[in-house]
Amino acid sequence: MAAYETSRAAPFGAIAIFRFVQLLNDKVAGFAAWNDARVTRKALTKLSDRELDDIGLCRGDIEAIGR
């Protein structure tokens, strides 16, 4: 069996590009989470008080759940 040493430096700019892509990915994930919370809040506000009570919620809980 042969063992290879592969500890070369990254090409110029590779780390900066990686960090940029990572930042962009974090922003997209944050936007998706915000949109999911918005859709959830919108759906819950359409329910009547009785329907909310059936699932164990009240109107005051809607904002906390959407976060």
PDB file of N, CA and C in Angstrom:
ATOM      1  N   MET A   1       0.839  -1.186   0.000  1.00  0.00           N
ATOM      2  CA  MET A   1       0.000   0.000   0.000  1.00  0.00           C
ATOM      3  C   MET A   1       0.877   1.239   0.000  1.00  0.00           C
ATOM      4  N   ALA A   2       0.419   2.218  -0.719  1.00  0.00           N
ATOM      5  CA  ALA A   2       1.156   3.469  -0.785  1.00  0.00           C
ATOM      6  C   ALA A   2       0.372   4.555  -0.064  1.00  0.00           C
ATOM      7  N   ALA A   3       1.082   5.434   0.557  1.00  0.00           N
ATOM      8  CA  ALA A   3       0.457   6.564   1.239  1.00  0.00           C
ATOM      9  C   ALA A   3       0.904   7.838   0.534  1.00  0.00           C
ATOM     10  N   TYR A   4      -0.046   8.726   0.295  1.00  0.00           N
ATOM     11  CA  TYR A   4       0.259   9.977  -0.391  1.00  0.00           C
ATOM     12  C   TYR A   4       0.028  11.150   0.558  1.00  0.00           C
ATOM     13  N   GLU A   5       0.918  12.077   0.521  1.00  0.00           N
ATOM     14  CA  GLU A   5       0.779  13.301   1.306  1.00  0.00           C
ATOM     15  C   GLU A   5       0.121  14.341   0.410  1.00  0.00           C
ATOM     16  N   THR A   6      -1.042  14.803   0.801  1.00  0.00           N
ATOM     17  CA  THR A   6      -1.780  15.755  -0.048  1.00  0.00           C
ATOM     18  C   THR A   6      -2.087  17.027   0.724  1.00  0.00           C
ATOM     19  N   SER A   7      -1.086  17.667   1.230  1.00  0.00           N
ATOM     20  CA  SER A   7      -1.302  18.904   1.979  1.00  0.00           C
ATOM     21  C   SER A   7      -0.784  20.097   1.183  1.00  0.00           C
ATOM     22  N   ARG A   8      -1.470  20.393   0.087  1.00  0.00           N
ATOM     23  CA  ARG A   8      -1.094  21.536  -0.722  1.00  0.00           C
ATOM     24  C   ARG A   8      -1.951  22.729  -0.333  1.00  0.00           C
ATOM     25  N   ALA A   9      -1.461  23.904  -0.575  1.00  0.00           N
ATOM     26  CA  ALA A   9      -2.212  25.129  -0.298  1.00  0.00           C
ATOM     27  C   ALA A   9      -3.345  25.268  -1.312  1.00  0.00           C
ATOM     28  N   ALA A  10      -4.428  25.877  -0.879  1.00  0.00           N
ATOM     29  CA  ALA A  10      -5.560  26.110  -1.771  1.00  0.00           C
ATOM     30  C   ALA A  10      -5.168  27.144  -2.827  1.00  0.00           C
ATOM     31  N   PRO A  11      -5.737  27.047  -4.012  1.00  0.00           N
ATOM     32  CA  PRO A  11      -5.430  28.036  -5.053  1.00  0.00           C
ATOM     33  C   PRO A  11      -5.848  29.445  -4.625  1.00  0.00           C
ATOM     34  N   PHE A  12      -5.219  30.426  -5.204  1.00  0.00           N
ATOM     35  CA  PHE A  12      -5.489  31.811  -4.858  1.00  0.00           C
ATOM     36  C   PHE A  12      -6.969  32.152  -5.081  1.00  0.00           C
ATOM     37  N   GLY A  13      -7.602  32.662  -4.061  1.00  0.00           N
ATOM     38  CA  GLY A  13      -8.986  33.088  -4.167  1.00  0.00           C
ATOM     39  C   GLY A  13     -10.008  32.006  -3.852  1.00  0.00           C
ATOM     40  N   ALA A  14      -9.576  30.772  -3.676  1.00  0.00           N
ATOM     41  CA  ALA A  14     -10.527  29.677  -3.447  1.00  0.00           C
ATOM     42  C   ALA A  14     -11.245  29.847  -2.112  1.00  0.00           C
ATOM     43  N   ILE A  15     -10.527  30.287  -1.104  1.00  0.00           N
ATOM     44  CA  ILE A  15     -11.142  30.456   0.216  1.00  0.00           C
ATOM     45  C   ILE A  15     -12.131  31.619   0.189  1.00  0.00           C
ATOM     46  N   ALA A  16     -11.782  32.687  -0.479  1.00  0.00           N
ATOM     47  CA  ALA A  16     -12.688  33.833  -0.573  1.00  0.00           C
ATOM     48  C   ALA A  16     -13.961  33.453  -1.318  1.00  0.00           C
ATOM     49  N   ILE A  17     -13.838  32.690  -2.373  1.00  0.00           N
ATOM     50  CA  ILE A  17     -15.013  32.241  -3.132  1.00  0.00           C
ATOM     51  C   ILE A  17     -15.858  31.316  -2.271  1.00  0.00           C
ATOM     52  N   PHE A  18     -15.222  30.411  -1.539  1.00  0.00           N
ATOM     53  CA  PHE A  18     -15.943  29.509  -0.648  1.00  0.00           C
ATOM     54  C   PHE A  18     -16.722  30.288   0.401  1.00  0.00           C
ATOM     55  N   ARG A  19     -16.097  31.291   1.011  1.00  0.00           N
ATOM     56  CA  ARG A  19     -16.780  32.096   2.038  1.00  0.00           C
ATOM     57  C   ARG A  19     -17.927  32.893   1.437  1.00  0.00           C
ATOM     58  N   PHE A  20     -17.757  33.393   0.226  1.00  0.00           N
ATOM     59  CA  PHE A  20     -18.828  34.127  -0.437  1.00  0.00           C
ATOM     60  C   PHE A  20     -20.024  33.213  -0.712  1.00  0.00           C
ATOM     61  N   VAL A  21     -19.743  32.023  -1.215  1.00  0.00           N
ATOM     62  CA  VAL A  21     -20.818  31.061  -1.491  1.00  0.00           C
ATOM     63  C   VAL A  21     -21.504  30.656  -0.192  1.00  0.00           C
ATOM     64  N   GLN A  22     -20.735  30.480   0.862  1.00  0.00           N
ATOM     65  CA  GLN A  22     -21.294  30.139   2.167  1.00  0.00           C
ATOM     66  C   GLN A  22     -22.183  31.270   2.685  1.00  0.00           C
ATOM     67  N   LEU A  23     -21.757  32.510   2.534  1.00  0.00           N
ATOM     68  CA  LEU A  23     -22.553  33.658   2.949  1.00  0.00           C
ATOM     69  C   LEU A  23     -23.848  33.736   2.150  1.00  0.00           C
ATOM     70  N   LEU A  24     -23.744  33.538   0.852  1.00  0.00           N
ATOM     71  CA  LEU A  24     -24.920  33.549  -0.005  1.00  0.00           C
ATOM     72  C   LEU A  24     -25.894  32.440   0.394  1.00  0.00           C
ATOM     73  N   ASN A  25     -25.374  31.267   0.687  1.00  0.00           N
ATOM     74  CA  ASN A  25     -26.203  30.142   1.117  1.00  0.00           C
ATOM     75  C   ASN A  25     -26.902  30.461   2.440  1.00  0.00           C
ATOM     76  N   ASP A  26     -26.198  31.096   3.371  1.00  0.00           N
ATOM     77  CA  ASP A  26     -26.801  31.482   4.651  1.00  0.00           C
ATOM     78  C   ASP A  26     -27.934  32.484   4.441  1.00  0.00           C
ATOM     79  N   LYS A  27     -27.749  33.425   3.533  1.00  0.00           N
ATOM     80  CA  LYS A  27     -28.790  34.415   3.253  1.00  0.00           C
ATOM     81  C   LYS A  27     -30.025  33.760   2.634  1.00  0.00           C
ATOM     82  N   VAL A  28     -29.819  32.836   1.714  1.00  0.00           N
ATOM     83  CA  VAL A  28     -30.937  32.128   1.080  1.00  0.00           C
ATOM     84  C   VAL A  28     -31.675  31.289   2.119  1.00  0.00           C
ATOM     85  N   ALA A  29     -30.950  30.613   2.992  1.00  0.00           N
ATOM     86  CA  ALA A  29     -31.584  29.798   4.041  1.00  0.00           C
ATOM     87  C   ALA A  29     -32.358  30.686   5.011  1.00  0.00           C
ATOM     88  N   GLY A  30     -31.821  31.846   5.341  1.00  0.00           N
ATOM     89  CA  GLY A  30     -32.516  32.783   6.216  1.00  0.00           C
ATOM     90  C   GLY A  30     -33.799  33.297   5.585  1.00  0.00           C
ATOM     91  N   PHE A  31     -33.742  33.593   4.308  1.00  0.00           N
ATOM     92  CA  PHE A  31     -34.934  34.054   3.607  1.00  0.00           C
ATOM     93  C   PHE A  31     -35.990  32.957   3.560  1.00  0.00           C
ATOM     94  N   ALA A  32     -35.573  31.722   3.323  1.00  0.00           N
ATOM     95  CA  ALA A  32     -36.518  30.601   3.277  1.00  0.00           C
ATOM     96  C   ALA A  32     -37.179  30.395   4.638  1.00  0.00           C
ATOM     97  N   ALA A  33     -36.418  30.512   5.713  1.00  0.00           N
ATOM     98  CA  ALA A  33     -36.975  30.363   7.058  1.00  0.00           C
ATOM     99  C   ALA A  33     -37.962  31.488   7.350  1.00  0.00           C
ATOM    100  N   TRP A  34     -37.616  32.724   6.965  1.00  0.00           N
ATOM    101  CA  TRP A  34     -38.518  33.854   7.171  1.00  0.00           C
ATOM    102  C   TRP A  34     -39.821  33.644   6.395  1.00  0.00           C
ATOM    103  N   ASN A  35     -39.719  33.180   5.166  1.00  0.00           N
ATOM    104  CA  ASN A  35     -40.904  32.967   4.340  1.00  0.00           C
ATOM    105  C   ASN A  35     -41.776  31.846   4.913  1.00  0.00           C
ATOM    106  N   ASP A  36     -41.165  30.776   5.399  1.00  0.00           N
ATOM    107  CA  ASP A  36     -41.937  29.701   6.023  1.00  0.00           C
ATOM    108  C   ASP A  36     -42.703  30.208   7.238  1.00  0.00           C
ATOM    109  N   ALA A  37     -42.049  31.030   8.059  1.00  0.00           N
ATOM    110  CA  ALA A  37     -42.712  31.597   9.234  1.00  0.00           C
ATOM    111  C   ALA A  37     -43.855  32.516   8.814  1.00  0.00           C
ATOM    112  N   ARG A  38     -43.656  33.282   7.767  1.00  0.00           N
ATOM    113  CA  ARG A  38     -44.696  34.185   7.274  1.00  0.00           C
ATOM    114  C   ARG A  38     -45.912  33.400   6.796  1.00  0.00           C
ATOM    115  N   VAL A  39     -45.675  32.338   6.044  1.00  0.00           N
ATOM    116  CA  VAL A  39     -46.774  31.510   5.538  1.00  0.00           C
ATOM    117  C   VAL A  39     -47.517  30.848   6.701  1.00  0.00           C
ATOM    118  N   THR A  40     -46.782  30.386   7.698  1.00  0.00           N
ATOM    119  CA  THR A  40     -47.405  29.759   8.873  1.00  0.00           C
ATOM    120  C   THR A  40     -48.278  30.763   9.617  1.00  0.00           C
ATOM    121  N   ARG A  41     -47.741  31.971   9.860  1.00  0.00           N
ATOM    122  CA  ARG A  41     -48.533  32.998  10.548  1.00  0.00           C
ATOM    123  C   ARG A  41     -49.787  33.344   9.767  1.00  0.00           C
ATOM    124  N   LYS A  42     -49.664  33.464   8.460  1.00  0.00           N
ATOM    125  CA  LYS A  42     -50.808  33.804   7.616  1.00  0.00           C
ATOM    126  C   LYS A  42     -51.875  32.720   7.685  1.00  0.00           C
ATOM    127  N   ALA A  43     -51.467  31.460   7.649  1.00  0.00           N
ATOM    128  CA  ALA A  43     -52.432  30.352   7.721  1.00  0.00           C
ATOM    129  C   ALA A  43     -53.107  30.302   9.085  1.00  0.00           C
ATOM    130  N   LEU A  44     -52.345  30.539  10.146  1.00  0.00           N
ATOM    131  CA  LEU A  44     -52.927  30.490  11.487  1.00  0.00           C
ATOM    132  C   LEU A  44     -53.881  31.653  11.747  1.00  0.00           C
ATOM    133  N   THR A  45     -53.603  32.823  11.180  1.00  0.00           N
ATOM    134  CA  THR A  45     -54.498  33.959  11.405  1.00  0.00           C
ATOM    135  C   THR A  45     -55.832  33.773  10.697  1.00  0.00           C
ATOM    136  N   LYS A  46     -55.875  32.910   9.688  1.00  0.00           N
ATOM    137  CA  LYS A  46     -57.130  32.649   8.986  1.00  0.00           C
ATOM    138  C   LYS A  46     -58.052  31.717   9.769  1.00  0.00           C
ATOM    139  N   LEU A  47     -57.504  31.008  10.767  1.00  0.00           N
ATOM    140  CA  LEU A  47     -58.315  30.081  11.545  1.00  0.00           C
ATOM    141  C   LEU A  47     -59.179  30.838  12.552  1.00  0.00           C
ATOM    142  N   SER A  48     -60.328  30.259  12.870  1.00  0.00           N
ATOM    143  CA  SER A  48     -61.197  30.858  13.886  1.00  0.00           C
ATOM    144  C   SER A  48     -60.635  30.547  15.278  1.00  0.00           C
ATOM    145  N   ASP A  49     -61.176  31.235  16.277  1.00  0.00           N
ATOM    146  CA  ASP A  49     -60.731  30.991  17.647  1.00  0.00           C
ATOM    147  C   ASP A  49     -61.001  29.548  18.067  1.00  0.00           C
ATOM    148  N   ARG A  50     -62.107  29.006  17.628  1.00  0.00           N
ATOM    149  CA  ARG A  50     -62.436  27.617  17.976  1.00  0.00           C
ATOM    150  C   ARG A  50     -61.453  26.643  17.322  1.00  0.00           C
ATOM    151  N   GLU A  51     -61.089  26.892  16.070  1.00  0.00           N
ATOM    152  CA  GLU A  51     -60.137  26.017  15.395  1.00  0.00           C
ATOM    153  C   GLU A  51     -58.754  26.099  16.055  1.00  0.00           C
ATOM    154  N   LEU A  52     -58.378  27.302  16.451  1.00  0.00           N
ATOM    155  CA  LEU A  52     -57.110  27.457  17.166  1.00  0.00           C
ATOM    156  C   LEU A  52     -57.149  26.710  18.494  1.00  0.00           C
ATOM    157  N   ASP A  53     -58.283  26.781  19.188  1.00  0.00           N
ATOM    158  CA  ASP A  53     -58.425  26.088  20.463  1.00  0.00           C
ATOM    159  C   ASP A  53     -58.340  24.577  20.259  1.00  0.00           C
ATOM    160  N   ASP A  54     -58.848  24.089  19.137  1.00  0.00           N
ATOM    161  CA  ASP A  54     -58.788  22.656  18.848  1.00  0.00           C
ATOM    162  C   ASP A  54     -57.349  22.152  18.731  1.00  0.00           C
ATOM    163  N   ILE A  55     -56.465  22.992  18.247  1.00  0.00           N
ATOM    164  CA  ILE A  55     -55.066  22.576  18.129  1.00  0.00           C
ATOM    165  C   ILE A  55     -54.219  23.083  19.300  1.00  0.00           C
ATOM    166  N   GLY A  56     -54.891  23.631  20.311  1.00  0.00           N
ATOM    167  CA  GLY A  56     -54.204  24.026  21.540  1.00  0.00           C
ATOM    168  C   GLY A  56     -53.497  25.361  21.480  1.00  0.00           C
ATOM    169  N   LEU A  57     -53.998  26.275  20.672  1.00  0.00           N
ATOM    170  CA  LEU A  57     -53.389  27.591  20.545  1.00  0.00           C
ATOM    171  C   LEU A  57     -54.412  28.685  20.826  1.00  0.00           C
ATOM    172  N   CYS A  58     -53.908  29.877  21.050  1.00  0.00           N
ATOM    173  CA  CYS A  58     -54.765  31.057  21.115  1.00  0.00           C
ATOM    174  C   CYS A  58     -54.160  32.107  20.189  1.00  0.00           C
ATOM    175  N   ARG A  59     -54.869  33.205  19.979  1.00  0.00           N
ATOM    176  CA  ARG A  59     -54.376  34.242  19.039  1.00  0.00           C
ATOM    177  C   ARG A  59     -53.015  34.782  19.442  1.00  0.00           C
ATOM    178  N   GLY A  60     -52.770  34.872  20.736  1.00  0.00           N
ATOM    179  CA  GLY A  60     -51.493  35.395  21.216  1.00  0.00           C
ATOM    180  C   GLY A  60     -50.301  34.485  20.913  1.00  0.00           C
ATOM    181  N   ASP A  61     -50.561  33.215  20.654  1.00  0.00           N
ATOM    182  CA  ASP A  61     -49.484  32.264  20.375  1.00  0.00           C
ATOM    183  C   ASP A  61     -49.000  32.316  18.937  1.00  0.00           C
ATOM    184  N   ILE A  62     -49.780  32.921  18.058  1.00  0.00           N
ATOM    185  CA  ILE A  62     -49.462  32.888  16.624  1.00  0.00           C
ATOM    186  C   ILE A  62     -48.119  33.558  16.335  1.00  0.00           C
ATOM    187  N   GLU A  63     -47.871  34.709  16.919  1.00  0.00           N
ATOM    188  CA  GLU A  63     -46.635  35.428  16.648  1.00  0.00           C
ATOM    189  C   GLU A  63     -45.420  34.648  17.155  1.00  0.00           C
ATOM    190  N   ALA A  64     -45.551  34.024  18.319  1.00  0.00           N
ATOM    191  CA  ALA A  64     -44.430  33.254  18.879  1.00  0.00           C
ATOM    192  C   ALA A  64     -44.134  32.014  18.045  1.00  0.00           C
ATOM    193  N   ILE A  65     -45.161  31.388  17.492  1.00  0.00           N
ATOM    194  CA  ILE A  65     -44.954  30.183  16.681  1.00  0.00           C
ATOM    195  C   ILE A  65     -44.299  30.534  15.357  1.00  0.00           C
ATOM    196  N   GLY A  66     -44.629  31.680  14.807  1.00  0.00           N
ATOM    197  CA  GLY A  66     -44.079  32.074  13.527  1.00  0.00           C
ATOM    198  C   GLY A  66     -42.615  32.434  13.552  1.00  0.00           C
ATOM    199  N   ARG A  67     -42.025  32.587  14.723  1.00  0.00           N
ATOM    200  CA  ARG A  67     -40.619  32.974  14.807  1.00  0.00           C
ATOM    201  C   ARG A  67     -39.703  31.823  14.608  1.00  0.00           C
TER     202      ARG A  67
END
